[in-house]
Amino acid sequence: MEAAGNALPDDGTVFVSVARADRPRILGTLEQLAKMGVNLVATAGTAADMRAAGLEVWLDLGKLQPG
């Protein structure tokens, strides 16, 4: 959005679904988003790892299919 000349929103909701191996690398970014007041929504496995890292997950969603 920003690259297209649009301002990034400072609130809202972000959906997160990240492969298990990549989750440690995304936690810092998610923490920054949470501090900005963004609601975090994630698939169940991602949500569990986010909560284990101390992040609040607003809602966890089931996957349509595993993979």
PDB file of N, CA and C in Angstrom:
ATOM      1  N   MET A   1       0.811  -1.189   0.000  1.00  0.00           N
ATOM      2  CA  MET A   1       0.000   0.000   0.000  1.00  0.00           C
ATOM      3  C   MET A   1       0.860   1.260   0.000  1.00  0.00           C
ATOM      4  N   GLU A   2       1.840   1.288   0.876  1.00  0.00           N
ATOM      5  CA  GLU A   2       2.665   2.481   0.990  1.00  0.00           C
ATOM      6  C   GLU A   2       3.422   2.748  -0.307  1.00  0.00           C
ATOM      7  N   ALA A   3       3.902   1.693  -0.955  1.00  0.00           N
ATOM      8  CA  ALA A   3       4.638   1.860  -2.207  1.00  0.00           C
ATOM      9  C   ALA A   3       3.753   2.447  -3.304  1.00  0.00           C
ATOM     10  N   ALA A   4       2.445   2.245  -3.195  1.00  0.00           N
ATOM     11  CA  ALA A   4       1.516   2.785  -4.178  1.00  0.00           C
ATOM     12  C   ALA A   4       1.076   4.206  -3.833  1.00  0.00           C
ATOM     13  N   GLY A   5       1.665   4.759  -2.758  1.00  0.00           N
ATOM     14  CA  GLY A   5       1.333   6.124  -2.388  1.00  0.00           C
ATOM     15  C   GLY A   5       0.200   6.234  -1.386  1.00  0.00           C
ATOM     16  N   ASN A   6      -0.279   5.118  -0.881  1.00  0.00           N
ATOM     17  CA  ASN A   6      -1.342   5.126   0.116  1.00  0.00           C
ATOM     18  C   ASN A   6      -0.740   5.000   1.510  1.00  0.00           C
ATOM     19  N   ALA A   7      -1.282   5.722   2.442  1.00  0.00           N
ATOM     20  CA  ALA A   7      -0.819   5.619   3.829  1.00  0.00           C
ATOM     21  C   ALA A   7      -1.221   4.268   4.405  1.00  0.00           C
ATOM     22  N   LEU A   8      -0.338   3.706   5.219  1.00  0.00           N
ATOM     23  CA  LEU A   8      -0.675   2.461   5.895  1.00  0.00           C
ATOM     24  C   LEU A   8      -1.674   2.746   7.006  1.00  0.00           C
ATOM     25  N   PRO A   9      -2.674   1.891   7.176  1.00  0.00           N
ATOM     26  CA  PRO A   9      -3.623   2.109   8.270  1.00  0.00           C
ATOM     27  C   PRO A   9      -2.928   1.928   9.622  1.00  0.00           C
ATOM     28  N   ASP A  10      -3.432   2.632  10.628  1.00  0.00           N
ATOM     29  CA  ASP A  10      -2.828   2.497  11.955  1.00  0.00           C
ATOM     30  C   ASP A  10      -3.706   1.693  12.902  1.00  0.00           C
ATOM     31  N   ASP A  11      -4.723   1.053  12.369  1.00  0.00           N
ATOM     32  CA  ASP A  11      -5.543   0.144  13.160  1.00  0.00           C
ATOM     33  C   ASP A  11      -6.197  -0.845  12.214  1.00  0.00           C
ATOM     34  N   GLY A  12      -6.907  -1.800  12.777  1.00  0.00           N
ATOM     35  CA  GLY A  12      -7.584  -2.793  11.965  1.00  0.00           C
ATOM     36  C   GLY A  12      -7.247  -4.192  12.421  1.00  0.00           C
ATOM     37  N   THR A  13      -7.356  -5.131  11.509  1.00  0.00           N
ATOM     38  CA  THR A  13      -7.163  -6.541  11.805  1.00  0.00           C
ATOM     39  C   THR A  13      -6.251  -7.154  10.757  1.00  0.00           C
ATOM     40  N   VAL A  14      -5.333  -8.011  11.210  1.00  0.00           N
ATOM     41  CA  VAL A  14      -4.406  -8.701  10.318  1.00  0.00           C
ATOM     42  C   VAL A  14      -4.625 -10.205  10.487  1.00  0.00           C
ATOM     43  N   PHE A  15      -4.782 -10.906   9.364  1.00  0.00           N
ATOM     44  CA  PHE A  15      -4.882 -12.360   9.372  1.00  0.00           C
ATOM     45  C   PHE A  15      -3.482 -12.934   9.177  1.00  0.00           C
ATOM     46  N   VAL A  16      -3.109 -13.909  10.034  1.00  0.00           N
ATOM     47  CA  VAL A  16      -1.771 -14.490  10.000  1.00  0.00           C
ATOM     48  C   VAL A  16      -1.878 -16.004   9.868  1.00  0.00           C
ATOM     49  N   SER A  17      -1.201 -16.558   8.877  1.00  0.00           N
ATOM     50  CA  SER A  17      -1.073 -18.001   8.714  1.00  0.00           C
ATOM     51  C   SER A  17       0.337 -18.244   8.181  1.00  0.00           C
ATOM     52  N   VAL A  18       1.196 -18.771   9.042  1.00  0.00           N
ATOM     53  CA  VAL A  18       2.608 -18.889   8.719  1.00  0.00           C
ATOM     54  C   VAL A  18       3.060 -20.328   8.971  1.00  0.00           C
ATOM     55  N   ALA A  19       3.872 -20.861   8.073  1.00  0.00           N
ATOM     56  CA  ALA A  19       4.424 -22.208   8.255  1.00  0.00           C
ATOM     57  C   ALA A  19       5.202 -22.275   9.572  1.00  0.00           C
ATOM     58  N   ARG A  20       5.118 -23.378  10.249  1.00  0.00           N
ATOM     59  CA  ARG A  20       5.747 -23.549  11.564  1.00  0.00           C
ATOM     60  C   ARG A  20       7.212 -23.118  11.568  1.00  0.00           C
ATOM     61  N   ALA A  21       7.971 -23.498  10.561  1.00  0.00           N
ATOM     62  CA  ALA A  21       9.401 -23.171  10.517  1.00  0.00           C
ATOM     63  C   ALA A  21       9.655 -21.671  10.413  1.00  0.00           C
ATOM     64  N   ASP A  22       8.699 -20.919   9.880  1.00  0.00           N
ATOM     65  CA  ASP A  22       8.877 -19.486   9.673  1.00  0.00           C
ATOM     66  C   ASP A  22       8.330 -18.626  10.813  1.00  0.00           C
ATOM     67  N   ARG A  23       7.584 -19.213  11.721  1.00  0.00           N
ATOM     68  CA  ARG A  23       6.920 -18.438  12.772  1.00  0.00           C
ATOM     69  C   ARG A  23       7.883 -17.645  13.653  1.00  0.00           C
ATOM     70  N   PRO A  24       9.021 -18.190  14.065  1.00  0.00           N
ATOM     71  CA  PRO A  24       9.911 -17.384  14.913  1.00  0.00           C
ATOM     72  C   PRO A  24      10.352 -16.077  14.250  1.00  0.00           C
ATOM     73  N   ARG A  25      10.464 -16.080  12.932  1.00  0.00           N
ATOM     74  CA  ARG A  25      10.921 -14.884  12.221  1.00  0.00           C
ATOM     75  C   ARG A  25       9.862 -13.795  12.111  1.00  0.00           C
ATOM     76  N   ILE A  26       8.596 -14.145  12.283  1.00  0.00           N
ATOM     77  CA  ILE A  26       7.521 -13.168  12.112  1.00  0.00           C
ATOM     78  C   ILE A  26       7.046 -12.577  13.442  1.00  0.00           C
ATOM     79  N   LEU A  27       7.451 -13.184  14.562  1.00  0.00           N
ATOM     80  CA  LEU A  27       6.932 -12.766  15.864  1.00  0.00           C
ATOM     81  C   LEU A  27       7.248 -11.307  16.195  1.00  0.00           C
ATOM     82  N   GLY A  28       8.426 -10.821  15.854  1.00  0.00           N
ATOM     83  CA  GLY A  28       8.768  -9.424  16.129  1.00  0.00           C
ATOM     84  C   GLY A  28       7.857  -8.451  15.400  1.00  0.00           C
ATOM     85  N   THR A  29       7.563  -8.748  14.157  1.00  0.00           N
ATOM     86  CA  THR A  29       6.661  -7.903  13.371  1.00  0.00           C
ATOM     87  C   THR A  29       5.260  -7.928  13.959  1.00  0.00           C
ATOM     88  N   LEU A  30       4.812  -9.118  14.359  1.00  0.00           N
ATOM     89  CA  LEU A  30       3.483  -9.229  14.950  1.00  0.00           C
ATOM     90  C   LEU A  30       3.396  -8.475  16.272  1.00  0.00           C
ATOM     91  N   GLU A  31       4.470  -8.506  17.046  1.00  0.00           N
ATOM     92  CA  GLU A  31       4.500  -7.760  18.304  1.00  0.00           C
ATOM     93  C   GLU A  31       4.371  -6.259  18.034  1.00  0.00           C
ATOM     94  N   GLN A  32       5.046  -5.769  17.012  1.00  0.00           N
ATOM     95  CA  GLN A  32       4.944  -4.349  16.652  1.00  0.00           C
ATOM     96  C   GLN A  32       3.524  -3.995  16.224  1.00  0.00           C
ATOM     97  N   LEU A  33       2.911  -4.851  15.431  1.00  0.00           N
ATOM     98  CA  LEU A  33       1.533  -4.606  15.007  1.00  0.00           C
ATOM     99  C   LEU A  33       0.593  -4.569  16.208  1.00  0.00           C
ATOM    100  N   ALA A  34       0.765  -5.508  17.139  1.00  0.00           N
ATOM    101  CA  ALA A  34      -0.080  -5.552  18.329  1.00  0.00           C
ATOM    102  C   ALA A  34       0.086  -4.273  19.148  1.00  0.00           C
ATOM    103  N   LYS A  35       1.316  -3.779  19.275  1.00  0.00           N
ATOM    104  CA  LYS A  35       1.564  -2.536  20.019  1.00  0.00           C
ATOM    105  C   LYS A  35       0.899  -1.335  19.353  1.00  0.00           C
ATOM    106  N   MET A  36       0.707  -1.414  18.032  1.00  0.00           N
ATOM    107  CA  MET A  36       0.025  -0.345  17.299  1.00  0.00           C
ATOM    108  C   MET A  36      -1.484  -0.404  17.497  1.00  0.00           C
ATOM    109  N   GLY A  37      -1.965  -1.497  18.092  1.00  0.00           N
ATOM    110  CA  GLY A  37      -3.404  -1.651  18.303  1.00  0.00           C
ATOM    111  C   GLY A  37      -4.094  -2.490  17.255  1.00  0.00           C
ATOM    112  N   VAL A  38      -3.324  -3.156  16.403  1.00  0.00           N
ATOM    113  CA  VAL A  38      -3.896  -4.019  15.371  1.00  0.00           C
ATOM    114  C   VAL A  38      -4.356  -5.328  16.008  1.00  0.00           C
ATOM    115  N   ASN A  39      -5.560  -5.779  15.655  1.00  0.00           N
ATOM    116  CA  ASN A  39      -6.059  -7.071  16.111  1.00  0.00           C
ATOM    117  C   ASN A  39      -5.402  -8.169  15.295  1.00  0.00           C
ATOM    118  N   LEU A  40      -4.986  -9.239  15.951  1.00  0.00           N
ATOM    119  CA  LEU A  40      -4.354 -10.355  15.263  1.00  0.00           C
ATOM    120  C   LEU A  40      -5.313 -11.535  15.222  1.00  0.00           C
ATOM    121  N   VAL A  41      -5.519 -12.062  14.030  1.00  0.00           N
ATOM    122  CA  VAL A  41      -6.353 -13.228  13.775  1.00  0.00           C
ATOM    123  C   VAL A  41      -5.455 -14.241  13.092  1.00  0.00           C
ATOM    124  N   ALA A  42      -5.529 -15.511  13.483  1.00  0.00           N
ATOM    125  CA  ALA A  42      -4.605 -16.503  12.920  1.00  0.00           C
ATOM    126  C   ALA A  42      -5.254 -17.872  12.839  1.00  0.00           C
ATOM    127  N   THR A  43      -4.642 -18.740  12.033  1.00  0.00           N
ATOM    128  CA  THR A  43      -5.050 -20.138  12.036  1.00  0.00           C
ATOM    129  C   THR A  43      -4.650 -20.738  13.381  1.00  0.00           C
ATOM    130  N   ALA A  44      -5.247 -21.855  13.738  1.00  0.00           N
ATOM    131  CA  ALA A  44      -5.084 -22.425  15.075  1.00  0.00           C
ATOM    132  C   ALA A  44      -3.624 -22.669  15.457  1.00  0.00           C
ATOM    133  N   GLY A  45      -2.845 -23.285  14.583  1.00  0.00           N
ATOM    134  CA  GLY A  45      -1.449 -23.582  14.896  1.00  0.00           C
ATOM    135  C   GLY A  45      -0.613 -22.329  15.047  1.00  0.00           C
ATOM    136  N   THR A  46      -0.800 -21.383  14.152  1.00  0.00           N
ATOM    137  CA  THR A  46      -0.075 -20.121  14.239  1.00  0.00           C
ATOM    138  C   THR A  46      -0.494 -19.372  15.498  1.00  0.00           C
ATOM    139  N   ALA A  47      -1.788 -19.373  15.794  1.00  0.00           N
ATOM    140  CA  ALA A  47      -2.289 -18.700  16.995  1.00  0.00           C
ATOM    141  C   ALA A  47      -1.686 -19.294  18.258  1.00  0.00           C
ATOM    142  N   ALA A  48      -1.558 -20.611  18.312  1.00  0.00           N
ATOM    143  CA  ALA A  48      -0.978 -21.259  19.491  1.00  0.00           C
ATOM    144  C   ALA A  48       0.458 -20.803  19.712  1.00  0.00           C
ATOM    145  N   ASP A  49       1.237 -20.721  18.642  1.00  0.00           N
ATOM    146  CA  ASP A  49       2.623 -20.271  18.774  1.00  0.00           C
ATOM    147  C   ASP A  49       2.698 -18.786  19.125  1.00  0.00           C
ATOM    148  N   MET A  50       1.782 -17.998  18.597  1.00  0.00           N
ATOM    149  CA  MET A  50       1.744 -16.578  18.928  1.00  0.00           C
ATOM    150  C   MET A  50       1.423 -16.382  20.406  1.00  0.00           C
ATOM    151  N   ARG A  51       0.448 -17.129  20.902  1.00  0.00           N
ATOM    152  CA  ARG A  51       0.099 -17.031  22.326  1.00  0.00           C
ATOM    153  C   ARG A  51       1.258 -17.500  23.204  1.00  0.00           C
ATOM    154  N   ALA A  52       1.931 -18.555  22.784  1.00  0.00           N
ATOM    155  CA  ALA A  52       3.086 -19.046  23.550  1.00  0.00           C
ATOM    156  C   ALA A  52       4.183 -17.989  23.641  1.00  0.00           C
ATOM    157  N   ALA A  53       4.239 -17.104  22.646  1.00  0.00           N
ATOM    158  CA  ALA A  53       5.232 -16.023  22.632  1.00  0.00           C
ATOM    159  C   ALA A  53       4.721 -14.780  23.367  1.00  0.00           C
ATOM    160  N   GLY A  54       3.522 -14.871  23.928  1.00  0.00           N
ATOM    161  CA  GLY A  54       2.982 -13.761  24.703  1.00  0.00           C
ATOM    162  C   GLY A  54       2.116 -12.786  23.935  1.00  0.00           C
ATOM    163  N   LEU A  55       1.783 -13.118  22.702  1.00  0.00           N
ATOM    164  CA  LEU A  55       0.932 -12.237  21.901  1.00  0.00           C
ATOM    165  C   LEU A  55      -0.533 -12.575  22.128  1.00  0.00           C
ATOM    166  N   GLU A  56      -1.358 -11.546  22.112  1.00  0.00           N
ATOM    167  CA  GLU A  56      -2.794 -11.761  22.216  1.00  0.00           C
ATOM    168  C   GLU A  56      -3.352 -11.995  20.813  1.00  0.00           C
ATOM    169  N   VAL A  57      -4.071 -13.087  20.653  1.00  0.00           N
ATOM    170  CA  VAL A  57      -4.708 -13.393  19.374  1.00  0.00           C
ATOM    171  C   VAL A  57      -6.205 -13.169  19.554  1.00  0.00           C
ATOM    172  N   TRP A  58      -6.736 -12.288  18.763  1.00  0.00           N
ATOM    173  CA  TRP A  58      -8.128 -11.888  18.869  1.00  0.00           C
ATOM    174  C   TRP A  58      -9.057 -13.040  18.537  1.00  0.00           C
ATOM    175  N   LEU A  59      -8.673 -13.867  17.565  1.00  0.00           N
ATOM    176  CA  LEU A  59      -9.506 -14.973  17.109  1.00  0.00           C
ATOM    177  C   LEU A  59      -8.605 -15.980  16.408  1.00  0.00           C
ATOM    178  N   ASP A  60      -8.836 -17.269  16.638  1.00  0.00           N
ATOM    179  CA  ASP A  60      -8.122 -18.247  15.814  1.00  0.00           C
ATOM    180  C   ASP A  60      -9.126 -19.012  14.970  1.00  0.00           C
ATOM    181  N   LEU A  61      -8.739 -19.229  13.742  1.00  0.00           N
ATOM    182  CA  LEU A  61      -9.615 -19.821  12.740  1.00  0.00           C
ATOM    183  C   LEU A  61      -9.095 -21.189  12.329  1.00  0.00           C
ATOM    184  N   GLY A  62      -9.992 -22.079  12.036  1.00  0.00           N
ATOM    185  CA  GLY A  62      -9.602 -23.366  11.495  1.00  0.00           C
ATOM    186  C   GLY A  62      -9.200 -23.235  10.044  1.00  0.00           C
ATOM    187  N   LYS A  63      -8.398 -24.152   9.575  1.00  0.00           N
ATOM    188  CA  LYS A  63      -8.008 -24.151   8.160  1.00  0.00           C
ATOM    189  C   LYS A  63      -9.060 -24.885   7.346  1.00  0.00           C
ATOM    190  N   LEU A  64      -9.181 -24.508   6.091  1.00  0.00           N
ATOM    191  CA  LEU A  64     -10.084 -25.222   5.199  1.00  0.00           C
ATOM    192  C   LEU A  64      -9.573 -26.616   4.890  1.00  0.00           C
ATOM    193  N   GLN A  65      -8.240 -26.713   4.765  1.00  0.00           N
ATOM    194  CA  GLN A  65      -7.623 -28.013   4.538  1.00  0.00           C
ATOM    195  C   GLN A  65      -6.204 -27.961   5.085  1.00  0.00           C
ATOM    196  N   PRO A  66      -5.698 -29.085   5.595  1.00  0.00           N
ATOM    197  CA  PRO A  66      -4.339 -29.071   6.139  1.00  0.00           C
ATOM    198  C   PRO A  66      -3.303 -28.883   5.044  1.00  0.00           C
ATOM    199  N   GLY A  67      -2.151 -28.336   5.457  1.00  0.00           N
ATOM    200  CA  GLY A  67      -1.089 -28.205   4.471  1.00  0.00           C
ATOM    201  C   GLY A  67      -0.266 -27.064   4.647  1.00  0.00           C
TER     202      GLY A  67
END
